[in-house]
PDB file of N, CA and C in Angstrom:
ATOM      1  N   THR A   1      45.913  83.136 -32.303  1.00  0.00           N
ATOM      2  CA  THR A   1      46.639  83.019 -31.510  1.00  0.00           C
ATOM      3  C   THR A   1      46.233  82.808 -29.969  1.00  0.00           C
ATOM      4  N   ARG A   2      46.752  81.794 -28.962  1.00  0.00           N
ATOM      5  CA  ARG A   2      46.187  80.909 -28.003  1.00  0.00           C
ATOM      6  C   ARG A   2      47.127  81.868 -26.988  1.00  0.00           C
ATOM      7  N   PRO A   3      46.086  81.641 -25.697  1.00  0.00           N
ATOM      8  CA  PRO A   3      45.488  82.676 -24.545  1.00  0.00           C
ATOM      9  C   PRO A   3      46.770  82.558 -23.782  1.00  0.00           C
ATOM     10  N   ALA A   4      47.669  82.866 -23.256  1.00  0.00           N
ATOM     11  CA  ALA A   4      48.146  83.498 -22.441  1.00  0.00           C
ATOM     12  C   ALA A   4      47.896  82.015 -21.585  1.00  0.00           C
ATOM     13  N   PRO A   5      48.923  81.695 -20.862  1.00  0.00           N
ATOM     14  CA  PRO A   5      48.817  80.702 -19.766  1.00  0.00           C
ATOM     15  C   PRO A   5      48.577  80.781 -18.562  1.00  0.00           C
ATOM     16  N   ALA A   6      47.688  80.719 -17.474  1.00  0.00           N
ATOM     17  CA  ALA A   6      46.811  81.024 -16.533  1.00  0.00           C
ATOM     18  C   ALA A   6      48.380  81.170 -15.147  1.00  0.00           C
ATOM     19  N   THR A   7      48.343  81.660 -14.729  1.00  0.00           N
ATOM     20  CA  THR A   7      49.742  82.200 -13.631  1.00  0.00           C
ATOM     21  C   THR A   7      49.012  82.222 -12.197  1.00  0.00           C
ATOM     22  N   THR A   8      49.798  81.176 -11.478  1.00  0.00           N
ATOM     23  CA  THR A   8      49.232  80.605 -10.121  1.00  0.00           C
ATOM     24  C   THR A   8      50.107  81.866  -9.354  1.00  0.00           C
ATOM     25  N   VAL A   9      49.375  82.393  -8.335  1.00  0.00           N
ATOM     26  CA  VAL A   9      50.044  83.123  -7.722  1.00  0.00           C
ATOM     27  C   VAL A   9      49.583  82.432  -5.980  1.00  0.00           C
ATOM     28  N   SER A  10      50.782  82.131  -5.010  1.00  0.00           N
ATOM     29  CA  SER A  10      50.875  81.391  -3.790  1.00  0.00           C
ATOM     30  C   SER A  10      50.253  82.249  -2.998  1.00  0.00           C
ATOM     31  N   PRO A  11      49.581  81.935  -1.805  1.00  0.00           N
ATOM     32  CA  PRO A  11      48.630  82.564  -1.127  1.00  0.00           C
ATOM     33  C   PRO A  11      49.697  83.787  -0.323  1.00  0.00           C
ATOM     34  N   ALA A  12      50.651  82.827  -0.029  1.00  0.00           N
ATOM     35  CA  ALA A  12      51.843  84.273   0.574  1.00  0.00           C
ATOM     36  C   ALA A  12      51.660  85.197   0.145  1.00  0.00           C
ATOM     37  N   ALA A  13      51.802  85.265  -1.415  1.00  0.00           N
ATOM     38  CA  ALA A  13      51.725  86.358  -2.044  1.00  0.00           C
ATOM     39  C   ALA A  13      50.868  87.599  -2.146  1.00  0.00           C
ATOM     40  N   MET A  14      49.979  86.723  -2.224  1.00  0.00           N
ATOM     41  CA  MET A  14      48.591  87.565  -1.885  1.00  0.00           C
ATOM     42  C   MET A  14      48.194  88.395  -0.515  1.00  0.00           C
ATOM     43  N   PRO A  15      47.995  89.904  -0.783  1.00  0.00           N
ATOM     44  CA  PRO A  15      47.759  90.604   0.261  1.00  0.00           C
ATOM     45  C   PRO A  15      47.053  90.142   1.349  1.00  0.00           C
ATOM     46  N   ALA A  16      46.676  89.718   2.500  1.00  0.00           N
ATOM     47  CA  ALA A  16      45.616  89.475   3.328  1.00  0.00           C
ATOM     48  C   ALA A  16      44.533  90.471   3.371  1.00  0.00           C
ATOM     49  N   ALA A  17      43.458  89.848   3.489  1.00  0.00           N
ATOM     50  CA  ALA A  17      41.876  90.540   3.650  1.00  0.00           C
ATOM     51  C   ALA A  17      41.695  91.512   4.797  1.00  0.00           C
ATOM     52  N   ALA A  18      41.395  92.648   4.229  1.00  0.00           N
ATOM     53  CA  ALA A  18      41.513  94.356   5.077  1.00  0.00           C
ATOM     54  C   ALA A  18      40.550  93.791   6.177  1.00  0.00           C
ATOM     55  N   SER A  19      40.886  94.334   7.281  1.00  0.00           N
ATOM     56  CA  SER A  19      39.603  94.750   8.042  1.00  0.00           C
ATOM     57  C   SER A  19      38.769  95.504   7.630  1.00  0.00           C
ATOM     58  N   PRO A  20      37.247  95.689   7.960  1.00  0.00           N
ATOM     59  CA  PRO A  20      36.323  97.205   7.836  1.00  0.00           C
ATOM     60  C   PRO A  20      37.015  98.240   8.181  1.00  0.00           C
ATOM     61  N   ARG A  21      38.274  98.241   9.412  1.00  0.00           N
ATOM     62  CA  ARG A  21      38.886  99.658   9.986  1.00  0.00           C
ATOM     63  C   ARG A  21      39.974 100.056   9.128  1.00  0.00           C
ATOM     64  N   GLN A  22      40.540  98.604   8.331  1.00  0.00           N
ATOM     65  CA  GLN A  22      41.757  99.540   7.301  1.00  0.00           C
ATOM     66  C   GLN A  22      41.360  99.397   6.003  1.00  0.00           C
ATOM     67  N   GLN A  23      40.150  99.314   6.188  1.00  0.00           N
ATOM     68  CA  GLN A  23      39.472  99.164   4.372  1.00  0.00           C
ATOM     69  C   GLN A  23      39.132 101.062   4.297  1.00  0.00           C
ATOM     70  N   ASN A  24      38.518 101.445   5.492  1.00  0.00           N
ATOM     71  CA  ASN A  24      38.533 102.547   5.391  1.00  0.00           C
ATOM     72  C   ASN A  24      39.251 104.008   5.830  1.00  0.00           C
ATOM     73  N   GLY A  25      40.197 103.595   6.377  1.00  0.00           N
ATOM     74  CA  GLY A  25      41.617 104.062   7.082  1.00  0.00           C
ATOM     75  C   GLY A  25      41.008 105.161   8.017  1.00  0.00           C
ATOM     76  N   LEU A  26      39.606 105.406   8.520  1.00  0.00           N
ATOM     77  CA  LEU A  26      39.507 106.445   9.789  1.00  0.00           C
ATOM     78  C   LEU A  26      39.632 105.631  10.812  1.00  0.00           C
ATOM     79  N   GLY A  27      39.954 104.248  10.996  1.00  0.00           N
ATOM     80  CA  GLY A  27      39.800 103.632  12.265  1.00  0.00           C
ATOM     81  C   GLY A  27      38.668 103.675  12.418  1.00  0.00           C
ATOM     82  N   ALA A  28      37.420 103.229  12.190  1.00  0.00           N
ATOM     83  CA  ALA A  28      35.972 103.116  12.685  1.00  0.00           C
ATOM     84  C   ALA A  28      35.741 102.601  11.049  1.00  0.00           C
ATOM     85  N   SER A  29      34.904 101.535  11.614  1.00  0.00           N
ATOM     86  CA  SER A  29      34.403 100.664  10.836  1.00  0.00           C
ATOM     87  C   SER A  29      32.489 101.717   9.851  1.00  0.00           C
ATOM     88  N   ALA A  30      32.448 101.265   8.821  1.00  0.00           N
ATOM     89  CA  ALA A  30      30.868 101.756   8.772  1.00  0.00           C
ATOM     90  C   ALA A  30      30.358 101.325   9.855  1.00  0.00           C
ATOM     91  N   PHE A  31      29.943 100.128  10.509  1.00  0.00           N
ATOM     92  CA  PHE A  31      28.879 100.355  11.267  1.00  0.00           C
ATOM     93  C   PHE A  31      29.024 101.147  12.468  1.00  0.00           C
ATOM     94  N   GLU A  32      30.152 101.346  12.739  1.00  0.00           N
ATOM     95  CA  GLU A  32      31.025 102.120  13.919  1.00  0.00           C
ATOM     96  C   GLU A  32      30.275 103.456  13.573  1.00  0.00           C
ATOM     97  N   ARG A  33      30.886 103.880  12.543  1.00  0.00           N
ATOM     98  CA  ARG A  33      29.973 105.350  12.250  1.00  0.00           C
ATOM     99  C   ARG A  33      29.039 105.638  12.219  1.00  0.00           C
ATOM    100  N   GLN A  34      28.253 105.237  11.451  1.00  0.00           N
ATOM    101  CA  GLN A  34      26.298 105.005  11.460  1.00  0.00           C
ATOM    102  C   GLN A  34      26.355 105.163  12.901  1.00  0.00           C
ATOM    103  N   LEU A  35      26.519 104.226  14.009  1.00  0.00           N
ATOM    104  CA  LEU A  35      26.279 105.121  15.395  1.00  0.00           C
ATOM    105  C   LEU A  35      26.695 105.739  16.012  1.00  0.00           C
ATOM    106  N   LEU A  36      27.939 106.365  15.576  1.00  0.00           N
ATOM    107  CA  LEU A  36      28.101 107.779  15.700  1.00  0.00           C
ATOM    108  C   LEU A  36      27.704 108.582  15.228  1.00  0.00           C
ATOM    109  N   ALA A  37      26.967 108.534  13.720  1.00  0.00           N
ATOM    110  CA  ALA A  37      26.442 109.479  13.984  1.00  0.00           C
ATOM    111  C   ALA A  37      24.744 110.038  13.764  1.00  0.00           C
ATOM    112  N   ALA A  38      24.547 108.858  14.904  1.00  0.00           N
ATOM    113  CA  ALA A  38      22.821 108.604  15.078  1.00  0.00           C
ATOM    114  C   ALA A  38      22.999 109.718  16.242  1.00  0.00           C
ATOM    115  N   PRO A  39      21.484 110.280  16.831  1.00  0.00           N
ATOM    116  CA  PRO A  39      21.325 111.077  17.833  1.00  0.00           C
ATOM    117  C   PRO A  39      21.341 110.290  18.960  1.00  0.00           C
ATOM    118  N   ALA A  40      22.571 111.328  19.857  1.00  0.00           N
ATOM    119  CA  ALA A  40      22.702 110.436  21.294  1.00  0.00           C
ATOM    120  C   ALA A  40      21.663 109.894  22.065  1.00  0.00           C
ATOM    121  N   GLU A  41      20.106 110.640  21.603  1.00  0.00           N
ATOM    122  CA  GLU A  41      19.087 109.971  22.490  1.00  0.00           C
ATOM    123  C   GLU A  41      18.708 108.896  22.190  1.00  0.00           C
ATOM    124  N   SER A  42      19.408 108.252  21.000  1.00  0.00           N
ATOM    125  CA  SER A  42      18.502 106.938  20.309  1.00  0.00           C
ATOM    126  C   SER A  42      18.813 106.199  20.750  1.00  0.00           C
ATOM    127  N   PHE A  43      18.004 104.823  20.441  1.00  0.00           N
ATOM    128  CA  PHE A  43      18.732 103.599  21.100  1.00  0.00           C
ATOM    129  C   PHE A  43      19.025 102.819  20.210  1.00  0.00           C
ATOM    130  N   THR A  44      19.270 101.324  20.460  1.00  0.00           N
ATOM    131  CA  THR A  44      19.858  99.981  19.962  1.00  0.00           C
ATOM    132  C   THR A  44      19.555  98.687  20.739  1.00  0.00           C
ATOM    133  N   LEU A  45      20.172  98.088  20.036  1.00  0.00           N
ATOM    134  CA  LEU A  45      19.668  96.651  20.408  1.00  0.00           C
ATOM    135  C   LEU A  45      21.161  95.994  20.445  1.00  0.00           C
ATOM    136  N   GLN A  46      21.805  95.699  22.025  1.00  0.00           N
ATOM    137  CA  GLN A  46      22.556  95.119  22.149  1.00  0.00           C
ATOM    138  C   GLN A  46      22.438  93.708  22.264  1.00  0.00           C
ATOM    139  N   ILE A  47      23.273  92.798  21.012  1.00  0.00           N
ATOM    140  CA  ILE A  47      22.574  91.489  21.270  1.00  0.00           C
ATOM    141  C   ILE A  47      23.935  90.341  21.620  1.00  0.00           C
ATOM    142  N   LEU A  48      25.279  90.422  21.645  1.00  0.00           N
ATOM    143  CA  LEU A  48      26.148  89.475  22.327  1.00  0.00           C
ATOM    144  C   LEU A  48      27.488  91.104  22.147  1.00  0.00           C
ATOM    145  N   GLY A  49      28.078  90.174  23.136  1.00  0.00           N
ATOM    146  CA  GLY A  49      30.113  90.973  23.135  1.00  0.00           C
ATOM    147  C   GLY A  49      30.644  89.791  23.403  1.00  0.00           C
ATOM    148  N   ALA A  50      32.099  89.472  22.885  1.00  0.00           N
ATOM    149  CA  ALA A  50      32.556  88.751  22.224  1.00  0.00           C
ATOM    150  C   ALA A  50      34.240  89.235  22.256  1.00  0.00           C
ATOM    151  N   SER A  51      34.894  88.580  22.402  1.00  0.00           N
ATOM    152  CA  SER A  51      36.494  88.941  22.986  1.00  0.00           C
ATOM    153  C   SER A  51      36.854  88.499  21.576  1.00  0.00           C
ATOM    154  N   SER A  52      36.166  87.131  20.359  1.00  0.00           N
ATOM    155  CA  SER A  52      36.813  87.626  18.890  1.00  0.00           C
ATOM    156  C   SER A  52      36.319  87.754  18.090  1.00  0.00           C
ATOM    157  N   GLU A  53      36.792  88.872  17.519  1.00  0.00           N
ATOM    158  CA  GLU A  53      36.534  89.306  16.649  1.00  0.00           C
ATOM    159  C   GLU A  53      35.956  88.714  15.396  1.00  0.00           C
ATOM    160  N   ALA A  54      37.165  88.084  14.971  1.00  0.00           N
ATOM    161  CA  ALA A  54      36.055  86.690  13.700  1.00  0.00           C
ATOM    162  C   ALA A  54      35.603  86.047  14.414  1.00  0.00           C
ATOM    163  N   ASN A  55      34.891  85.351  15.386  1.00  0.00           N
ATOM    164  CA  ASN A  55      33.590  85.121  15.962  1.00  0.00           C
ATOM    165  C   ASN A  55      32.291  85.735  15.522  1.00  0.00           C
ATOM    166  N   VAL A  56      32.554  87.621  16.027  1.00  0.00           N
ATOM    167  CA  VAL A  56      31.523  88.699  15.794  1.00  0.00           C
ATOM    168  C   VAL A  56      31.480  88.187  14.287  1.00  0.00           C
ATOM    169  N   GLN A  57      32.419  88.518  13.560  1.00  0.00           N
ATOM    170  CA  GLN A  57      32.136  88.371  12.261  1.00  0.00           C
ATOM    171  C   GLN A  57      31.089  88.098  11.312  1.00  0.00           C
ATOM    172  N   ALA A  58      31.752  86.976  12.112  1.00  0.00           N
ATOM    173  CA  ALA A  58      30.668  85.277  11.611  1.00  0.00           C
ATOM    174  C   ALA A  58      29.610  85.391  11.846  1.00  0.00           C
ATOM    175  N   TYR A  59      29.073  85.383  13.441  1.00  0.00           N
ATOM    176  CA  TYR A  59      27.730  85.901  13.604  1.00  0.00           C
ATOM    177  C   TYR A  59      27.012  86.964  13.010  1.00  0.00           C
ATOM    178  N   VAL A  60      27.158  87.626  12.965  1.00  0.00           N
ATOM    179  CA  VAL A  60      26.881  89.143  11.579  1.00  0.00           C
ATOM    180  C   VAL A  60      26.406  88.541  10.567  1.00  0.00           C
ATOM    181  N   GLU A  61      27.577  87.687   9.511  1.00  0.00           N
ATOM    182  CA  GLU A  61      27.289  87.538   8.401  1.00  0.00           C
ATOM    183  C   GLU A  61      26.787  86.462   8.176  1.00  0.00           C
ATOM    184  N   ARG A  62      26.588  85.848   9.258  1.00  0.00           N
ATOM    185  CA  ARG A  62      25.453  84.290   9.422  1.00  0.00           C
ATOM    186  C   ARG A  62      23.492  84.923   9.425  1.00  0.00           C
ATOM    187  N   ASN A  63      23.783  85.928  10.464  1.00  0.00           N
ATOM    188  CA  ASN A  63      22.852  86.281  10.876  1.00  0.00           C
ATOM    189  C   ASN A  63      21.630  87.661  10.344  1.00  0.00           C
ATOM    190  N   GLY A  64      22.637  88.473   9.873  1.00  0.00           N
ATOM    191  CA  GLY A  64      22.497  89.278   9.583  1.00  0.00           C
ATOM    192  C   GLY A  64      21.601  90.086   7.656  1.00  0.00           C
ATOM    193  N   GLY A  65      21.406  88.856   7.456  1.00  0.00           N
ATOM    194  CA  GLY A  65      20.713  88.983   6.248  1.00  0.00           C
ATOM    195  C   GLY A  65      19.139  89.144   6.493  1.00  0.00           C
ATOM    196  N   GLY A  66      18.189  89.302   5.256  1.00  0.00           N
ATOM    197  CA  GLY A  66      16.830  89.566   5.738  1.00  0.00           C
ATOM    198  C   GLY A  66      16.627  90.774   7.026  1.00  0.00           C
ATOM    199  N   LEU A  67      17.113  91.186   7.645  1.00  0.00           N
ATOM    200  CA  LEU A  67      16.580  92.153   8.895  1.00  0.00           C
ATOM    201  C   LEU A  67      16.086  93.375   8.363  1.00  0.00           C
ATOM    202  N   ARG A  68      15.288  93.885   9.190  1.00  0.00           N
ATOM    203  CA  ARG A  68      14.542  95.069   8.391  1.00  0.00           C
ATOM    204  C   ARG A  68      15.827  96.516   8.644  1.00  0.00           C
ATOM    205  N   GLN A  69      16.888  96.304   9.601  1.00  0.00           N
ATOM    206  CA  GLN A  69      17.602  97.489   9.969  1.00  0.00           C
ATOM    207  C   GLN A  69      18.862  96.402  10.167  1.00  0.00           C
ATOM    208  N   THR A  70      19.748  97.667  10.199  1.00  0.00           N
ATOM    209  CA  THR A  70      21.479  96.713   9.869  1.00  0.00           C
ATOM    210  C   THR A  70      21.879  96.258  11.550  1.00  0.00           C
ATOM    211  N   LEU A  71      22.403  95.045  11.377  1.00  0.00           N
ATOM    212  CA  LEU A  71      22.546  94.133  12.273  1.00  0.00           C
ATOM    213  C   LEU A  71      24.481  94.351  12.215  1.00  0.00           C
ATOM    214  N   GLY A  72      25.037  94.927  13.088  1.00  0.00           N
ATOM    215  CA  GLY A  72      26.853  94.844  12.970  1.00  0.00           C
ATOM    216  C   GLY A  72      27.297  95.164  14.134  1.00  0.00           C
ATOM    217  N   TYR A  73      28.420  95.598  14.095  1.00  0.00           N
ATOM    218  CA  TYR A  73      29.509  95.345  15.442  1.00  0.00           C
ATOM    219  C   TYR A  73      30.752  96.282  15.770  1.00  0.00           C
ATOM    220  N   TYR A  74      30.760  96.809  16.602  1.00  0.00           N
ATOM    221  CA  TYR A  74      31.565  97.753  16.839  1.00  0.00           C
ATOM    222  C   TYR A  74      32.975  97.365  18.094  1.00  0.00           C
ATOM    223  N   ARG A  75      33.652  98.115  17.848  1.00  0.00           N
ATOM    224  CA  ARG A  75      34.613  97.531  18.898  1.00  0.00           C
ATOM    225  C   ARG A  75      35.015  98.280  20.315  1.00  0.00           C
ATOM    226  N   SER A  76      34.934  98.069  21.207  1.00  0.00           N
ATOM    227  CA  SER A  76      35.129  98.431  22.636  1.00  0.00           C
ATOM    228  C   SER A  76      36.425  98.354  23.569  1.00  0.00           C
ATOM    229  N   GLN A  77      36.286  97.873  24.644  1.00  0.00           N
ATOM    230  CA  GLN A  77      37.315  97.519  25.274  1.00  0.00           C
ATOM    231  C   GLN A  77      36.367  96.949  27.261  1.00  0.00           C
ATOM    232  N   ARG A  78      37.086  96.018  26.964  1.00  0.00           N
ATOM    233  CA  ARG A  78      36.584  95.164  28.848  1.00  0.00           C
ATOM    234  C   ARG A  78      37.907  95.183  29.361  1.00  0.00           C
ATOM    235  N   GLY A  79      38.016  95.144  30.568  1.00  0.00           N
ATOM    236  CA  GLY A  79      39.228  94.934  31.375  1.00  0.00           C
ATOM    237  C   GLY A  79      40.342  94.927  30.657  1.00  0.00           C
ATOM    238  N   GLY A  80      40.540  96.253  29.818  1.00  0.00           N
ATOM    239  CA  GLY A  80      41.529  96.780  29.409  1.00  0.00           C
ATOM    240  C   GLY A  80      42.114  96.120  27.771  1.00  0.00           C
ATOM    241  N   GLU A  81      41.145  94.495  27.236  1.00  0.00           N
ATOM    242  CA  GLU A  81      41.063  94.259  26.393  1.00  0.00           C
ATOM    243  C   GLU A  81      40.067  94.178  25.300  1.00  0.00           C
ATOM    244  N   PRO A  82      40.205  94.255  23.775  1.00  0.00           N
ATOM    245  CA  PRO A  82      39.531  94.796  23.012  1.00  0.00           C
ATOM    246  C   PRO A  82      38.253  93.696  23.249  1.00  0.00           C
ATOM    247  N   TRP A  83      36.945  94.325  22.946  1.00  0.00           N
ATOM    248  CA  TRP A  83      35.701  93.604  23.387  1.00  0.00           C
ATOM    249  C   TRP A  83      35.421  93.839  22.254  1.00  0.00           C
ATOM    250  N   PHE A  84      33.947  93.442  21.165  1.00  0.00           N
ATOM    251  CA  PHE A  84      33.156  93.311  20.314  1.00  0.00           C
ATOM    252  C   PHE A  84      32.302  93.358  20.572  1.00  0.00           C
ATOM    253  N   ILE A  85      31.324  93.935  20.520  1.00  0.00           N
ATOM    254  CA  ILE A  85      29.602  94.337  20.515  1.00  0.00           C
ATOM    255  C   ILE A  85      29.038  93.903  19.292  1.00  0.00           C
ATOM    256  N   VAL A  86      28.080  92.933  19.552  1.00  0.00           N
ATOM    257  CA  VAL A  86      27.114  93.024  17.960  1.00  0.00           C
ATOM    258  C   VAL A  86      25.853  93.747  18.636  1.00  0.00           C
ATOM    259  N   ALA A  87      25.436  94.682  17.398  1.00  0.00           N
ATOM    260  CA  ALA A  87      24.147  95.452  18.232  1.00  0.00           C
ATOM    261  C   ALA A  87      23.458  95.657  16.917  1.00  0.00           C
ATOM    262  N   TYR A  88      22.166  95.728  16.735  1.00  0.00           N
ATOM    263  CA  TYR A  88      21.142  95.944  16.205  1.00  0.00           C
ATOM    264  C   TYR A  88      19.993  97.333  15.945  1.00  0.00           C
ATOM    265  N   GLY A  89      20.197  97.664  15.039  1.00  0.00           N
ATOM    266  CA  GLY A  89      19.360  99.076  14.323  1.00  0.00           C
ATOM    267  C   GLY A  89      19.562 100.726  15.153  1.00  0.00           C
ATOM    268  N   GLU A  90      18.849 101.130  15.120  1.00  0.00           N
ATOM    269  CA  GLU A  90      18.274 102.422  15.955  1.00  0.00           C
ATOM    270  C   GLU A  90      17.414 102.575  15.653  1.00  0.00           C
ATOM    271  N   PHE A  91      17.068 103.118  16.837  1.00  0.00           N
ATOM    272  CA  PHE A  91      15.600 103.394  16.892  1.00  0.00           C
ATOM    273  C   PHE A  91      14.926 105.097  18.220  1.00  0.00           C
ATOM    274  N   THR A  92      14.247 105.742  17.784  1.00  0.00           N
ATOM    275  CA  THR A  92      14.227 106.953  18.049  1.00  0.00           C
ATOM    276  C   THR A  92      13.421 107.115  19.766  1.00  0.00           C
ATOM    277  N   THR A  93      12.568 105.795  20.256  1.00  0.00           N
ATOM    278  CA  THR A  93      12.478 106.242  21.416  1.00  0.00           C
ATOM    279  C   THR A  93      12.976 104.534  22.117  1.00  0.00           C
ATOM    280  N   ARG A  94      12.396 104.520  23.431  1.00  0.00           N
ATOM    281  CA  ARG A  94      12.612 103.514  23.900  1.00  0.00           C
ATOM    282  C   ARG A  94      11.663 102.592  23.504  1.00  0.00           C
ATOM    283  N   GLU A  95      10.339 103.065  23.506  1.00  0.00           N
ATOM    284  CA  GLU A  95       9.572 101.805  23.023  1.00  0.00           C
ATOM    285  C   GLU A  95       9.560 101.551  21.998  1.00  0.00           C
ATOM    286  N   GLN A  96       9.935 101.969  20.648  1.00  0.00           N
ATOM    287  CA  GLN A  96      10.106 101.311  19.560  1.00  0.00           C
ATOM    288  C   GLN A  96      11.008 100.127  20.010  1.00  0.00           C
ATOM    289  N   ALA A  97      12.577 100.556  20.451  1.00  0.00           N
ATOM    290  CA  ALA A  97      14.099  99.524  20.452  1.00  0.00           C
ATOM    291  C   ALA A  97      12.866  98.262  21.201  1.00  0.00           C
ATOM    292  N   ASP A  98      12.028  98.592  22.143  1.00  0.00           N
ATOM    293  CA  ASP A  98      11.493  97.464  23.541  1.00  0.00           C
ATOM    294  C   ASP A  98      10.585  96.866  22.580  1.00  0.00           C
ATOM    295  N   ALA A  99       9.750  97.227  21.752  1.00  0.00           N
ATOM    296  CA  ALA A  99       8.828  96.358  20.662  1.00  0.00           C
ATOM    297  C   ALA A  99       9.912  95.082  19.397  1.00  0.00           C
ATOM    298  N   THR A 100      10.695  96.240  18.831  1.00  0.00           N
ATOM    299  CA  THR A 100      11.300  95.212  18.764  1.00  0.00           C
ATOM    300  C   THR A 100      12.650  94.119  18.871  1.00  0.00           C
ATOM    301  N   LEU A 101      12.649  94.107  20.362  1.00  0.00           N
ATOM    302  CA  LEU A 101      13.622  93.502  20.791  1.00  0.00           C
ATOM    303  C   LEU A 101      12.460  92.154  20.917  1.00  0.00           C
ATOM    304  N   ASN A 102      10.932  92.086  21.214  1.00  0.00           N
ATOM    305  CA  ASN A 102      10.169  91.396  21.602  1.00  0.00           C
ATOM    306  C   ASN A 102       9.906  90.940  20.103  1.00  0.00           C
ATOM    307  N   ARG A 103       9.925  90.878  18.837  1.00  0.00           N
ATOM    308  CA  ARG A 103      10.071  90.391  17.801  1.00  0.00           C
ATOM    309  C   ARG A 103      11.321  89.936  17.002  1.00  0.00           C
ATOM    310  N   LEU A 104      12.262  89.967  17.993  1.00  0.00           N
ATOM    311  CA  LEU A 104      13.833  89.532  17.037  1.00  0.00           C
ATOM    312  C   LEU A 104      13.662  88.058  16.754  1.00  0.00           C
ATOM    313  N   PRO A 105      14.215  87.742  15.273  1.00  0.00           N
ATOM    314  CA  PRO A 105      13.881  86.334  15.308  1.00  0.00           C
ATOM    315  C   PRO A 105      14.832  85.501  16.527  1.00  0.00           C
ATOM    316  N   GLN A 106      14.625  84.145  16.339  1.00  0.00           N
ATOM    317  CA  GLN A 106      15.262  83.344  17.378  1.00  0.00           C
ATOM    318  C   GLN A 106      16.521  83.709  17.570  1.00  0.00           C
ATOM    319  N   ALA A 107      17.573  83.944  16.158  1.00  0.00           N
ATOM    320  CA  ALA A 107      18.645  84.172  15.906  1.00  0.00           C
ATOM    321  C   ALA A 107      19.261  84.395  16.966  1.00  0.00           C
ATOM    322  N   LEU A 108      18.807  85.809  16.803  1.00  0.00           N
ATOM    323  CA  LEU A 108      19.183  86.964  17.686  1.00  0.00           C
ATOM    324  C   LEU A 108      18.967  86.989  19.250  1.00  0.00           C
ATOM    325  N   SER A 109      17.534  86.575  19.436  1.00  0.00           N
ATOM    326  CA  SER A 109      16.632  86.856  20.759  1.00  0.00           C
ATOM    327  C   SER A 109      17.732  85.611  21.824  1.00  0.00           C
ATOM    328  N   ALA A 110      18.479  84.448  21.193  1.00  0.00           N
ATOM    329  CA  ALA A 110      18.875  83.880  21.778  1.00  0.00           C
ATOM    330  C   ALA A 110      20.153  84.047  22.623  1.00  0.00           C
ATOM    331  N   ALA A 111      20.400  84.829  22.559  1.00  0.00           N
ATOM    332  CA  ALA A 111      21.779  85.341  23.273  1.00  0.00           C
ATOM    333  C   ALA A 111      21.368  86.487  24.272  1.00  0.00           C
ATOM    334  N   GLY A 112      20.529  86.485  24.382  1.00  0.00           N
ATOM    335  CA  GLY A 112      19.316  87.497  25.368  1.00  0.00           C
ATOM    336  C   GLY A 112      19.911  89.140  25.383  1.00  0.00           C
ATOM    337  N   PRO A 113      19.763  89.461  24.167  1.00  0.00           N
ATOM    338  CA  PRO A 113      19.653  90.970  23.440  1.00  0.00           C
ATOM    339  C   PRO A 113      18.960  91.775  24.576  1.00  0.00           C
ATOM    340  N   TRP A 114      19.598  93.134  24.713  1.00  0.00           N
ATOM    341  CA  TRP A 114      18.419  94.462  25.684  1.00  0.00           C
ATOM    342  C   TRP A 114      18.680  95.885  25.104  1.00  0.00           C
ATOM    343  N   VAL A 115      17.952  96.454  25.598  1.00  0.00           N
ATOM    344  CA  VAL A 115      18.014  98.253  24.543  1.00  0.00           C
ATOM    345  C   VAL A 115      19.011  98.916  25.799  1.00  0.00           C
ATOM    346  N   ARG A 116      19.973  99.168  24.676  1.00  0.00           N
ATOM    347  CA  ARG A 116      20.677 100.165  24.895  1.00  0.00           C
ATOM    348  C   ARG A 116      20.772 101.547  24.460  1.00  0.00           C
ATOM    349  N   PRO A 117      21.433 102.758  25.127  1.00  0.00           N
ATOM    350  CA  PRO A 117      21.038 103.909  24.591  1.00  0.00           C
ATOM    351  C   PRO A 117      22.614 104.434  23.675  1.00  0.00           C
ATOM    352  N   ILE A 118      22.058 104.046  22.779  1.00  0.00           N
ATOM    353  CA  ILE A 118      23.356 104.683  21.417  1.00  0.00           C
ATOM    354  C   ILE A 118      23.941 105.524  22.252  1.00  0.00           C
ATOM    355  N   ALA A 119      23.910 106.867  23.098  1.00  0.00           N
ATOM    356  CA  ALA A 119      24.905 107.308  23.620  1.00  0.00           C
ATOM    357  C   ALA A 119      26.217 106.098  24.929  1.00  0.00           C
ATOM    358  N   ALA A 120      25.523 105.636  25.012  1.00  0.00           N
ATOM    359  CA  ALA A 120      26.851 104.203  25.643  1.00  0.00           C
ATOM    360  C   ALA A 120      27.729 103.723  24.725  1.00  0.00           C
ATOM    361  N   ALA A 121      27.179 103.018  23.975  1.00  0.00           N
ATOM    362  CA  ALA A 121      27.454 102.805  22.631  1.00  0.00           C
ATOM    363  C   ALA A 121      28.710 103.853  21.801  1.00  0.00           C
ATOM    364  N   GLN A 122      28.425 104.969  21.849  1.00  0.00           N
ATOM    365  CA  GLN A 122      28.987 105.649  21.483  1.00  0.00           C
ATOM    366  C   GLN A 122      30.335 106.303  22.716  1.00  0.00           C
ATOM    367  N   ALA A 123      30.219 106.057  23.264  1.00  0.00           N
ATOM    368  CA  ALA A 123      31.027 106.582  23.790  1.00  0.00           C
ATOM    369  C   ALA A 123      32.023 105.361  24.325  1.00  0.00           C
ATOM    370  N   GLU A 124      31.852 104.107  24.468  1.00  0.00           N
ATOM    371  CA  GLU A 124      32.560 102.969  23.857  1.00  0.00           C
ATOM    372  C   GLU A 124      33.333 102.800  22.593  1.00  0.00           C
ATOM    373  N   ILE A 125      32.809 103.488  21.945  1.00  0.00           N
ATOM    374  CA  ILE A 125      33.621 103.516  20.129  1.00  0.00           C
ATOM    375  C   ILE A 125      34.578 104.572  20.471  1.00  0.00           C
ATOM    376  N   ARG A 126      34.433 105.262  20.869  1.00  0.00           N
ATOM    377  CA  ARG A 126      35.401 106.304  21.250  1.00  0.00           C
ATOM    378  C   ARG A 126      36.378 106.672  22.179  1.00  0.00           C
ATOM    379  N   ALA A 127      36.009 105.298  23.039  1.00  0.00           N
ATOM    380  CA  ALA A 127      37.310 105.248  24.165  1.00  0.00           C
ATOM    381  C   ALA A 127      38.026 103.975  23.211  1.00  0.00           C
ATOM    382  N   ALA A 128      37.444 103.411  22.859  1.00  0.00           N
ATOM    383  CA  ALA A 128      38.308 102.443  22.062  1.00  0.00           C
ATOM    384  C   ALA A 128      39.336 102.748  21.178  1.00  0.00           C
ATOM    385  N   ARG A 129      39.274 104.101  20.458  1.00  0.00           N
ATOM    386  CA  ARG A 129      39.763 104.552  19.198  1.00  0.00           C
ATOM    387  C   ARG A 129      41.659 104.431  19.486  1.00  0.00           C
TER     388      ARG A 129
END
């Protein structure tokens, strides 16, 4: 017997890739859920913010490999418009966050990151829902 001929599917017939929000059905990405679950008195490093989710996703994919902690992004609002914030890690103390800030790879430090209370990120995530 001969194998059946391969069929071609037109791109229009293929479903579009789901965003992390659509995939989990909860309205929050895995990274957003991670930040929301963190103790409110802990800290993260805010790396950058941008209006383009696609650009932020590409930045995270390009720079997230080989790091000790998670590099991700969450959705917030700025001037009533969607705003996407790239953040790195979860730190128990500000001192730990400051020490990590001073050791970031050039690709992350070039954007001028700063230490941010996780409670502030949590408030932004909740407000953007």
